[in-house]
Amino acid sequence: MVWRQALIIGALVLGAVIAEVTVLSRLGLPGATPDLVVVTIVAIALAMGPTQGAVAGFLGGVLIDLAPPGDTLLGVNAIVYIAIGYITGSVVDPRDRTVPIMMGIVGLAAGAAVLATSGIDTMLGSDRVSWEDVPGLVLSSALYAVIMAPVVILLVAWLVRRATPEVSVT
């Protein structure tokens, strides 16, 4: 039971990190790189619950922090993604999980991830954050996440229902 959940979380997050680093980062889209990892973490949190969302957030954050090109301090993304996974898994009532609400949550989570990462990096003394660019990055990240949300959320929910019938959050 738990090993199936761990396998699903690991496979989904690893696949999202690989796709984001190898494909999405090279598309040359304006603004931020589409954050497939945050969308996947939110989808896991909505499908499985806050604890699994936090675990997915930690795994995704560590992998993104370690993946080249590491443009943030080690551990910052892990902290932000843990919070996103836990909060999205615990705040949203399962009866309110309609597609527009979930798309809005994904957009808010992606924008919050950019803003929180920039804020924590600045507080820790990093000089790599350009606050003039942050509003555009927040908006573009949220937009790309909303575009990816329906496919990713439905795919993750279907996979979780099929592979882990003991999880009854969705």
Protein backbone atom coordinates (compact mmCIF):
# COMPACT_ATOMS: atom_id res chain seq x y z
CA MET A 1 0.00 0.00 0.00
CA VAL A 2 2.52 2.59 1.10
CA TRP A 3 5.11 1.28 -1.32
CA ARG A 4 2.65 1.73 -4.21
CA GLN A 5 2.05 5.33 -3.17
CA ALA A 6 5.80 5.92 -2.88
CA LEU A 7 6.38 4.38 -6.30
CA ILE A 8 3.70 6.54 -7.91
CA ILE A 9 4.94 9.72 -6.21
CA GLY A 10 8.55 8.98 -7.15
CA ALA A 11 7.77 8.12 -10.76
CA LEU A 12 5.50 11.13 -11.31
CA VAL A 13 7.87 13.62 -9.70
CA LEU A 14 10.97 12.22 -11.40
CA GLY A 15 9.19 12.27 -14.75
CA ALA A 16 8.08 15.87 -14.19
CA VAL A 17 11.60 16.98 -13.24
CA ILE A 18 13.14 15.27 -16.26
CA ALA A 19 10.51 16.74 -18.62
CA GLU A 20 10.91 20.23 -17.14
CA VAL A 21 14.70 20.24 -17.23
CA THR A 22 15.17 18.59 -20.63
CA VAL A 23 12.18 19.73 -22.70
CA LEU A 24 10.28 22.63 -21.15
CA SER A 25 13.36 24.67 -20.26
CA ARG A 26 14.52 24.58 -23.88
CA LEU A 27 11.26 25.74 -25.48
CA GLY A 28 12.25 29.39 -25.31
CA LEU A 29 8.83 30.57 -24.14
CA PRO A 30 8.59 34.15 -22.86
CA GLY A 31 8.74 34.60 -19.10
CA ALA A 32 9.27 31.71 -16.75
CA THR A 33 9.89 28.11 -17.69
CA PRO A 34 6.63 26.14 -17.39
CA ASP A 35 6.77 24.58 -13.91
CA LEU A 36 5.56 21.04 -14.50
CA VAL A 37 6.95 19.99 -11.12
CA VAL A 38 4.64 22.32 -9.18
CA VAL A 39 1.66 21.22 -11.28
CA THR A 40 2.52 17.57 -10.57
CA ILE A 41 2.96 18.21 -6.84
CA VAL A 42 -0.42 19.94 -6.64
CA ALA A 43 -2.04 17.13 -8.62
CA ILE A 44 -0.55 14.53 -6.25
CA ALA A 45 -1.67 16.53 -3.21
CA LEU A 46 -5.21 16.82 -4.59
CA ALA A 47 -5.35 13.12 -5.48
CA MET A 48 -3.64 11.63 -2.41
CA GLY A 49 -3.75 14.16 0.42
CA PRO A 50 -1.51 16.62 2.27
CA THR A 51 1.10 14.18 3.58
CA GLN A 52 1.74 12.68 0.18
CA GLY A 53 1.70 16.19 -1.30
CA ALA A 54 4.40 17.27 1.14
CA VAL A 55 6.48 14.18 0.34
CA ALA A 56 6.11 14.89 -3.38
CA GLY A 57 7.04 18.52 -2.71
CA PHE A 58 10.19 17.55 -0.85
CA LEU A 59 11.26 15.09 -3.54
CA GLY A 60 10.49 17.50 -6.37
CA GLY A 61 12.20 20.39 -4.62
CA VAL A 62 15.38 18.45 -3.91
CA LEU A 63 15.55 17.13 -7.47
CA ILE A 64 15.00 20.60 -8.96
CA ASP A 65 17.59 22.08 -6.60
CA LEU A 66 20.13 19.47 -7.70
CA ALA A 67 19.29 19.61 -11.43
CA PRO A 68 21.41 21.87 -13.59
CA PRO A 69 21.33 24.82 -13.95
CA GLY A 70 20.79 25.34 -10.23
CA ASP A 71 19.80 29.00 -10.05
CA THR A 72 18.72 29.01 -6.42
CA LEU A 73 20.27 28.06 -3.11
CA LEU A 74 20.15 24.37 -2.26
CA GLY A 75 16.98 23.50 -0.34
CA VAL A 76 14.94 26.60 -1.16
CA ASN A 77 12.74 24.86 -3.73
CA ALA A 78 12.32 21.90 -1.39
CA ILE A 79 11.00 24.15 1.37
CA VAL A 80 8.64 25.99 -0.97
CA TYR A 81 7.36 22.81 -2.63
CA ILE A 82 6.75 21.07 0.71
CA ALA A 83 4.54 23.98 1.75
CA ILE A 84 2.71 23.96 -1.59
CA GLY A 85 2.11 20.21 -1.46
CA TYR A 86 0.86 20.23 2.11
CA ILE A 87 -1.30 23.33 1.83
CA THR A 88 -3.00 22.35 -1.43
CA GLY A 89 -3.66 18.87 -0.12
CA SER A 90 -5.23 20.05 3.12
CA VAL A 91 -7.01 23.29 2.24
CA VAL A 92 -9.19 22.15 -0.63
CA ASP A 93 -12.35 20.26 0.31
CA PRO A 94 -12.77 17.12 -1.83
CA ARG A 95 -16.33 18.20 -2.69
CA ASP A 96 -15.05 21.49 -4.16
CA ARG A 97 -12.63 19.90 -6.59
CA THR A 98 -14.08 21.05 -9.88
CA VAL A 99 -11.79 21.60 -12.85
CA PRO A 100 -11.92 25.45 -12.71
CA ILE A 101 -11.15 25.47 -8.98
CA MET A 102 -8.25 23.05 -9.42
CA MET A 103 -6.89 25.07 -12.34
CA GLY A 104 -7.02 28.20 -10.18
CA ILE A 105 -5.24 26.43 -7.33
CA VAL A 106 -2.51 25.24 -9.69
CA GLY A 107 -2.07 28.77 -11.06
CA LEU A 108 -1.89 30.25 -7.57
CA ALA A 109 0.57 27.57 -6.47
CA ALA A 110 2.86 28.17 -9.45
CA GLY A 111 2.84 31.93 -8.94
CA ALA A 112 3.37 31.52 -5.21
CA ALA A 113 6.31 29.20 -5.87
CA VAL A 114 8.08 31.85 -7.94
CA LEU A 115 7.33 34.58 -5.41
CA ALA A 116 8.32 32.48 -2.37
CA THR A 117 11.51 31.22 -3.98
CA SER A 118 12.51 34.76 -4.92
CA GLY A 119 11.71 36.04 -1.43
CA ILE A 120 13.60 33.28 0.38
CA ASP A 121 16.59 33.63 -1.95
CA THR A 122 16.68 37.37 -1.24
CA MET A 123 16.38 36.85 2.52
CA LEU A 124 19.26 34.38 2.40
CA GLY A 125 21.45 36.94 0.67
CA SER A 126 21.35 35.76 -2.92
CA ASP A 127 21.95 38.49 -5.46
CA ARG A 128 20.52 36.48 -8.36
CA VAL A 129 16.94 37.73 -7.92
CA SER A 130 15.91 40.59 -10.20
CA TRP A 131 12.78 42.02 -8.56
CA GLU A 132 11.93 43.94 -11.71
CA ASP A 133 11.40 40.60 -13.49
CA VAL A 134 9.51 38.83 -10.69
CA PRO A 135 5.96 40.07 -11.54
CA GLY A 136 6.30 38.90 -15.14
CA LEU A 137 7.73 35.57 -14.01
CA VAL A 138 4.88 35.07 -11.51
CA LEU A 139 2.23 35.78 -14.16
CA SER A 140 3.83 33.66 -16.88
CA SER A 141 4.44 30.77 -14.48
CA ALA A 142 0.81 30.87 -13.34
CA LEU A 143 -0.45 31.01 -16.93
CA TYR A 144 1.68 28.06 -18.06
CA ALA A 145 0.58 26.06 -15.00
CA VAL A 146 -3.10 26.74 -15.72
CA ILE A 147 -2.60 25.55 -19.30
CA MET A 148 -0.95 22.30 -18.14
CA ALA A 149 -3.30 21.73 -15.18
CA PRO A 150 -6.26 19.91 -16.76
CA VAL A 151 -4.15 17.24 -18.41
CA VAL A 152 -1.78 16.68 -15.49
CA ILE A 153 -4.47 16.70 -12.77
CA LEU A 154 -6.72 14.28 -14.64
CA LEU A 155 -3.82 11.98 -15.53
CA VAL A 156 -2.53 11.89 -11.94
CA ALA A 157 -6.03 11.36 -10.52
CA TRP A 158 -6.67 8.49 -12.95
CA LEU A 159 -3.30 6.88 -12.17
CA VAL A 160 -3.80 7.18 -8.41
CA ARG A 161 -7.30 5.67 -8.60
CA ARG A 162 -6.00 2.75 -10.68
CA ALA A 163 -2.79 1.99 -8.81
CA THR A 164 -3.74 2.84 -5.22
CA PRO A 165 -7.39 2.07 -4.54
CA GLU A 166 -6.79 2.53 -0.81
CA VAL A 167 -6.36 6.28 -1.34
CA SER A 168 -9.84 7.80 -1.27
CA VAL A 169 -9.18 11.55 -1.28
CA THR A 170 -10.42 12.21 -4.84
